[in-house]
Amino acid sequence: MHDKIFIRGLSFLASIGVFDWEKQQLQKLELDLELATDIRAAAQDEDLNKTLDYASISERLMQLAQSQHHDLLETLAEKMTQMLLSEFNTSSVTLTLAKPGAVASAQSVGVTLIRPYPQMEQQ
């Protein structure tokens, strides 16, 4: 399957970080996402129920991020990918979670997770 649904630049506030001051205030996070899916049935019938709903996915991701404090970006990104694989009709997730301004000399820092890992094509 080569079809992908994507969300780029989803921005929200969440409680994240290991330092005491980070536990006292919300910080901005940014998320980019690609989900593998087969869009043919949705395209043929023009039926939202046969595809991945961007709004529902975005809302669910923000809800998860804001449900509790996370010390590490890695922990939150892993929870997000596992949630997407279990709750939405997708066979793989590529998720980039960034924390702008975390390092003064960098525009942004973050992690990219690919679940499950792509398999090598046989030749």
N, C-alpha and C. Protein backbone atom coordinates (compact mmCIF):
# COMPACT_ATOMS: atom_id res chain seq x y z
N MET A 1 0.85 -1.18 0.00
CA MET A 1 0.00 0.00 0.00
C MET A 1 0.89 1.24 0.00
N HIS A 2 0.63 2.16 -0.91
CA HIS A 2 1.48 3.35 -1.03
C HIS A 2 0.73 4.64 -0.76
N ASP A 3 -0.57 4.56 -0.44
CA ASP A 3 -1.33 5.77 -0.13
C ASP A 3 -0.98 6.24 1.27
N LYS A 4 -0.94 7.55 1.43
CA LYS A 4 -0.65 8.12 2.74
C LYS A 4 -1.55 9.33 2.98
N ILE A 5 -2.02 9.42 4.21
CA ILE A 5 -2.70 10.61 4.69
C ILE A 5 -1.66 11.35 5.53
N PHE A 6 -1.59 12.69 5.41
CA PHE A 6 -0.60 13.40 6.21
C PHE A 6 -1.21 14.60 6.91
N ILE A 7 -0.57 14.95 8.01
CA ILE A 7 -0.86 16.17 8.75
C ILE A 7 0.49 16.84 8.97
N ARG A 8 0.60 18.09 8.60
CA ARG A 8 1.86 18.82 8.75
C ARG A 8 1.66 20.04 9.66
N GLY A 9 2.58 20.24 10.56
CA GLY A 9 2.60 21.46 11.36
C GLY A 9 1.49 21.56 12.39
N LEU A 10 1.02 20.44 12.91
CA LEU A 10 0.02 20.48 13.98
C LEU A 10 0.71 21.06 15.22
N SER A 11 0.22 22.17 15.71
CA SER A 11 0.86 22.89 16.80
C SER A 11 -0.08 22.93 18.01
N PHE A 12 0.47 22.64 19.19
CA PHE A 12 -0.34 22.63 20.41
C PHE A 12 0.57 22.81 21.62
N LEU A 13 -0.05 23.11 22.75
CA LEU A 13 0.68 23.27 24.00
C LEU A 13 0.53 22.02 24.85
N ALA A 14 1.60 21.66 25.55
CA ALA A 14 1.57 20.48 26.42
C ALA A 14 2.60 20.66 27.54
N SER A 15 2.43 19.90 28.60
CA SER A 15 3.37 19.89 29.71
C SER A 15 4.41 18.82 29.42
N ILE A 16 5.65 19.27 29.15
CA ILE A 16 6.70 18.33 28.77
C ILE A 16 8.06 18.85 29.20
N GLY A 17 8.91 17.95 29.67
CA GLY A 17 10.28 18.33 30.00
C GLY A 17 10.71 17.78 31.35
N VAL A 18 12.01 17.66 31.53
CA VAL A 18 12.57 17.06 32.74
C VAL A 18 12.90 18.09 33.82
N PHE A 19 13.02 19.35 33.45
CA PHE A 19 13.39 20.37 34.44
C PHE A 19 12.16 20.83 35.21
N ASP A 20 12.40 21.27 36.45
CA ASP A 20 11.29 21.71 37.31
C ASP A 20 10.47 22.81 36.66
N TRP A 21 11.13 23.80 36.04
CA TRP A 21 10.39 24.89 35.43
C TRP A 21 9.51 24.41 34.28
N GLU A 22 9.92 23.31 33.60
CA GLU A 22 9.12 22.78 32.49
C GLU A 22 7.84 22.12 33.00
N LYS A 23 7.85 21.69 34.24
CA LYS A 23 6.69 21.04 34.83
C LYS A 23 5.66 22.05 35.32
N GLN A 24 6.04 23.33 35.28
CA GLN A 24 5.17 24.40 35.78
C GLN A 24 4.48 25.19 34.66
N GLN A 25 4.88 24.96 33.42
CA GLN A 25 4.28 25.73 32.33
C GLN A 25 4.14 24.87 31.08
N LEU A 26 3.17 25.23 30.25
CA LEU A 26 2.96 24.52 28.99
C LEU A 26 3.97 25.01 27.96
N GLN A 27 4.38 24.09 27.08
CA GLN A 27 5.31 24.44 26.02
C GLN A 27 4.72 24.05 24.67
N LYS A 28 5.16 24.75 23.65
CA LYS A 28 4.67 24.50 22.30
C LYS A 28 5.35 23.26 21.72
N LEU A 29 4.55 22.39 21.13
CA LEU A 29 5.05 21.24 20.38
C LEU A 29 4.50 21.31 18.97
N GLU A 30 5.22 20.74 18.03
CA GLU A 30 4.79 20.68 16.63
C GLU A 30 4.90 19.26 16.14
N LEU A 31 3.93 18.83 15.36
CA LEU A 31 3.86 17.45 14.93
C LEU A 31 3.63 17.35 13.42
N ASP A 32 4.37 16.46 12.79
CA ASP A 32 4.14 16.08 11.39
C ASP A 32 3.86 14.59 11.40
N LEU A 33 2.93 14.17 10.55
CA LEU A 33 2.46 12.80 10.60
C LEU A 33 2.14 12.28 9.21
N GLU A 34 2.50 11.02 8.97
CA GLU A 34 2.07 10.30 7.76
C GLU A 34 1.52 8.95 8.20
N LEU A 35 0.34 8.61 7.68
CA LEU A 35 -0.30 7.34 7.99
C LEU A 35 -0.56 6.59 6.69
N ALA A 36 -0.12 5.35 6.63
CA ALA A 36 -0.37 4.52 5.45
C ALA A 36 -1.80 4.01 5.51
N THR A 37 -2.49 4.13 4.39
CA THR A 37 -3.88 3.65 4.31
C THR A 37 -4.23 3.45 2.85
N ASP A 38 -5.33 2.80 2.59
CA ASP A 38 -5.82 2.61 1.23
C ASP A 38 -7.00 3.55 1.04
N ILE A 39 -6.83 4.57 0.21
CA ILE A 39 -7.89 5.57 0.04
C ILE A 39 -8.86 5.29 -1.10
N ARG A 40 -8.67 4.18 -1.79
CA ARG A 40 -9.48 3.93 -3.00
C ARG A 40 -10.98 3.89 -2.72
N ALA A 41 -11.41 3.20 -1.69
CA ALA A 41 -12.85 3.11 -1.40
C ALA A 41 -13.43 4.47 -1.05
N ALA A 42 -12.70 5.25 -0.25
CA ALA A 42 -13.17 6.59 0.12
C ALA A 42 -13.26 7.49 -1.11
N ALA A 43 -12.25 7.40 -1.97
CA ALA A 43 -12.24 8.23 -3.17
C ALA A 43 -13.38 7.86 -4.11
N GLN A 44 -13.61 6.58 -4.27
CA GLN A 44 -14.67 6.11 -5.17
C GLN A 44 -16.06 6.54 -4.68
N ASP A 45 -16.30 6.40 -3.37
CA ASP A 45 -17.62 6.68 -2.82
C ASP A 45 -17.74 8.07 -2.21
N GLU A 46 -16.65 8.81 -2.17
CA GLU A 46 -16.59 10.11 -1.49
C GLU A 46 -17.18 10.01 -0.09
N ASP A 47 -16.66 9.03 0.66
CA ASP A 47 -17.19 8.70 1.98
C ASP A 47 -16.10 8.87 3.04
N LEU A 48 -16.27 9.84 3.91
CA LEU A 48 -15.29 10.11 4.97
C LEU A 48 -15.11 8.91 5.89
N ASN A 49 -16.14 8.12 6.06
CA ASN A 49 -16.06 6.95 6.94
C ASN A 49 -15.14 5.86 6.40
N LYS A 50 -14.74 5.97 5.13
CA LYS A 50 -13.88 4.97 4.52
C LYS A 50 -12.42 5.43 4.41
N THR A 51 -12.11 6.50 5.11
CA THR A 51 -10.73 7.00 5.10
C THR A 51 -10.36 7.44 6.51
N LEU A 52 -9.21 8.03 6.66
CA LEU A 52 -8.76 8.55 7.95
C LEU A 52 -9.18 10.01 8.07
N ASP A 53 -9.85 10.35 9.13
CA ASP A 53 -10.38 11.69 9.36
C ASP A 53 -9.30 12.55 10.03
N TYR A 54 -8.77 13.53 9.28
CA TYR A 54 -7.68 14.39 9.78
C TYR A 54 -8.06 15.08 11.09
N ALA A 55 -9.29 15.58 11.16
CA ALA A 55 -9.73 16.32 12.36
C ALA A 55 -9.77 15.40 13.58
N SER A 56 -10.31 14.21 13.42
CA SER A 56 -10.38 13.26 14.54
C SER A 56 -8.99 12.84 15.00
N ILE A 57 -8.11 12.60 14.06
CA ILE A 57 -6.74 12.20 14.39
C ILE A 57 -6.03 13.34 15.13
N SER A 58 -6.16 14.56 14.62
CA SER A 58 -5.52 15.72 15.24
C SER A 58 -6.02 15.91 16.66
N GLU A 59 -7.33 15.83 16.85
CA GLU A 59 -7.92 16.01 18.17
C GLU A 59 -7.43 14.94 19.14
N ARG A 60 -7.38 13.70 18.67
CA ARG A 60 -6.95 12.59 19.53
C ARG A 60 -5.48 12.74 19.95
N LEU A 61 -4.63 13.18 19.02
CA LEU A 61 -3.21 13.39 19.32
C LEU A 61 -3.03 14.49 20.37
N MET A 62 -3.75 15.60 20.20
CA MET A 62 -3.63 16.69 21.17
C MET A 62 -4.18 16.27 22.53
N GLN A 63 -5.27 15.52 22.53
CA GLN A 63 -5.84 15.03 23.78
C GLN A 63 -4.84 14.15 24.53
N LEU A 64 -4.18 13.27 23.82
CA LEU A 64 -3.18 12.40 24.44
C LEU A 64 -2.02 13.22 25.00
N ALA A 65 -1.53 14.18 24.24
CA ALA A 65 -0.40 15.00 24.66
C ALA A 65 -0.73 15.82 25.90
N GLN A 66 -1.97 16.26 26.00
CA GLN A 66 -2.37 17.16 27.09
C GLN A 66 -2.96 16.43 28.29
N SER A 67 -3.04 15.11 28.22
CA SER A 67 -3.68 14.34 29.29
C SER A 67 -2.82 14.22 30.54
N GLN A 68 -1.50 14.39 30.40
CA GLN A 68 -0.60 14.30 31.54
C GLN A 68 0.75 14.89 31.17
N HIS A 69 1.60 15.11 32.17
CA HIS A 69 2.96 15.59 31.92
C HIS A 69 3.81 14.42 31.42
N HIS A 70 4.67 14.69 30.45
CA HIS A 70 5.66 13.72 29.98
C HIS A 70 7.04 14.35 30.14
N ASP A 71 7.97 13.61 30.72
CA ASP A 71 9.33 14.12 30.85
C ASP A 71 10.02 14.18 29.49
N LEU A 72 9.87 13.13 28.70
CA LEU A 72 10.61 13.03 27.44
C LEU A 72 9.70 13.10 26.21
N LEU A 73 10.19 13.79 25.20
CA LEU A 73 9.52 13.82 23.90
C LEU A 73 9.41 12.41 23.33
N GLU A 74 10.45 11.61 23.57
CA GLU A 74 10.47 10.24 23.08
C GLU A 74 9.30 9.42 23.64
N THR A 75 9.00 9.61 24.92
CA THR A 75 7.90 8.88 25.55
C THR A 75 6.56 9.27 24.93
N LEU A 76 6.33 10.57 24.78
CA LEU A 76 5.08 11.04 24.18
C LEU A 76 4.95 10.58 22.74
N ALA A 77 6.02 10.66 21.96
CA ALA A 77 5.97 10.22 20.55
C ALA A 77 5.65 8.73 20.46
N GLU A 78 6.23 7.93 21.33
CA GLU A 78 5.95 6.49 21.31
C GLU A 78 4.49 6.22 21.67
N LYS A 79 3.97 6.90 22.67
CA LYS A 79 2.56 6.73 23.04
C LYS A 79 1.65 7.12 21.87
N MET A 80 2.01 8.18 21.18
CA MET A 80 1.20 8.65 20.05
C MET A 80 1.19 7.62 18.92
N THR A 81 2.36 7.08 18.58
CA THR A 81 2.40 6.11 17.48
C THR A 81 1.63 4.85 17.84
N GLN A 82 1.75 4.39 19.06
CA GLN A 82 1.02 3.19 19.48
C GLN A 82 -0.49 3.43 19.46
N MET A 83 -0.92 4.61 19.90
CA MET A 83 -2.34 4.96 19.86
C MET A 83 -2.86 4.97 18.43
N LEU A 84 -2.10 5.59 17.53
CA LEU A 84 -2.53 5.66 16.13
C LEU A 84 -2.67 4.27 15.51
N LEU A 85 -1.70 3.40 15.78
CA LEU A 85 -1.76 2.04 15.23
C LEU A 85 -2.93 1.23 15.81
N SER A 86 -3.28 1.49 17.04
CA SER A 86 -4.35 0.70 17.66
C SER A 86 -5.75 1.27 17.42
N GLU A 87 -5.86 2.59 17.25
CA GLU A 87 -7.18 3.20 17.16
C GLU A 87 -7.61 3.59 15.74
N PHE A 88 -6.68 3.66 14.82
CA PHE A 88 -7.01 4.10 13.46
C PHE A 88 -6.59 3.04 12.45
N ASN A 89 -7.24 3.03 11.32
CA ASN A 89 -7.00 2.03 10.29
C ASN A 89 -5.75 2.38 9.47
N THR A 90 -4.59 2.08 10.06
CA THR A 90 -3.32 2.36 9.39
C THR A 90 -2.36 1.21 9.65
N SER A 91 -1.53 0.94 8.66
CA SER A 91 -0.54 -0.14 8.83
C SER A 91 0.82 0.39 9.23
N SER A 92 1.04 1.69 9.06
CA SER A 92 2.31 2.26 9.51
C SER A 92 2.15 3.74 9.79
N VAL A 93 2.99 4.22 10.69
CA VAL A 93 2.98 5.61 11.14
C VAL A 93 4.39 6.17 11.03
N THR A 94 4.52 7.34 10.46
CA THR A 94 5.75 8.12 10.54
C THR A 94 5.38 9.41 11.24
N LEU A 95 5.93 9.60 12.44
CA LEU A 95 5.55 10.73 13.27
C LEU A 95 6.80 11.50 13.69
N THR A 96 6.79 12.80 13.46
CA THR A 96 7.86 13.68 13.92
C THR A 96 7.27 14.63 14.95
N LEU A 97 7.84 14.62 16.14
CA LEU A 97 7.39 15.48 17.23
C LEU A 97 8.55 16.41 17.58
N ALA A 98 8.29 17.71 17.50
CA ALA A 98 9.35 18.70 17.68
C ALA A 98 9.01 19.65 18.83
N LYS A 99 10.08 20.12 19.45
CA LYS A 99 9.97 21.07 20.56
C LYS A 99 10.76 22.32 20.16
N PRO A 100 10.07 23.29 19.52
CA PRO A 100 10.76 24.50 19.08
C PRO A 100 11.30 25.28 20.28
N GLY A 101 12.48 25.84 20.11
CA GLY A 101 13.05 26.67 21.15
C GLY A 101 13.69 25.93 22.32
N ALA A 102 13.73 24.61 22.27
CA ALA A 102 14.31 23.85 23.38
C ALA A 102 15.82 24.04 23.47
N VAL A 103 16.44 24.25 22.33
CA VAL A 103 17.88 24.52 22.28
C VAL A 103 18.03 25.91 21.66
N ALA A 104 18.66 26.81 22.39
CA ALA A 104 18.71 28.22 21.98
C ALA A 104 19.26 28.43 20.57
N SER A 105 20.24 27.67 20.17
CA SER A 105 20.86 27.89 18.86
C SER A 105 20.21 27.07 17.74
N ALA A 106 19.14 26.33 18.05
CA ALA A 106 18.45 25.54 17.03
C ALA A 106 17.00 26.03 16.88
N GLN A 107 16.51 26.00 15.66
CA GLN A 107 15.12 26.37 15.43
C GLN A 107 14.18 25.41 16.15
N SER A 108 14.54 24.12 16.12
CA SER A 108 13.71 23.11 16.75
C SER A 108 14.52 21.84 16.95
N VAL A 109 14.11 21.02 17.92
CA VAL A 109 14.68 19.70 18.14
C VAL A 109 13.53 18.72 18.29
N GLY A 110 13.80 17.44 18.08
CA GLY A 110 12.72 16.48 18.23
C GLY A 110 13.11 15.08 17.84
N VAL A 111 12.09 14.26 17.63
CA VAL A 111 12.28 12.85 17.28
C VAL A 111 11.36 12.50 16.12
N THR A 112 11.80 11.52 15.34
CA THR A 112 10.96 10.93 14.29
C THR A 112 10.89 9.44 14.56
N LEU A 113 9.66 8.92 14.62
CA LEU A 113 9.43 7.50 14.83
C LEU A 113 8.74 6.92 13.60
N ILE A 114 9.15 5.72 13.22
CA ILE A 114 8.53 4.99 12.12
C ILE A 114 8.09 3.65 12.69
N ARG A 115 6.78 3.42 12.71
CA ARG A 115 6.23 2.18 13.27
C ARG A 115 5.17 1.63 12.33
N PRO A 116 5.10 0.37 12.07
CA PRO A 116 6.24 -0.52 12.19
C PRO A 116 7.30 -0.15 11.17
N TYR A 117 8.49 -0.61 11.39
CA TYR A 117 9.58 -0.26 10.48
C TYR A 117 9.30 -0.85 9.10
N PRO A 118 9.59 -0.07 8.05
CA PRO A 118 9.38 -0.59 6.69
C PRO A 118 10.24 -1.81 6.43
N GLN A 119 9.68 -2.76 5.73
CA GLN A 119 10.44 -3.95 5.39
C GLN A 119 11.20 -3.72 4.08
N MET A 120 12.34 -4.35 3.99
CA MET A 120 13.13 -4.23 2.77
C MET A 120 12.39 -4.94 1.64
N GLU A 121 12.35 -4.30 0.49
CA GLU A 121 11.72 -4.94 -0.66
C GLU A 121 12.63 -6.03 -1.19
N GLN A 122 12.04 -7.14 -1.55
CA GLN A 122 12.82 -8.25 -2.10
C GLN A 122 13.12 -7.96 -3.56
N GLN A 123 14.32 -8.31 -3.95
CA GLN A 123 14.72 -8.05 -5.33
C GLN A 123 14.68 -9.29 -6.16
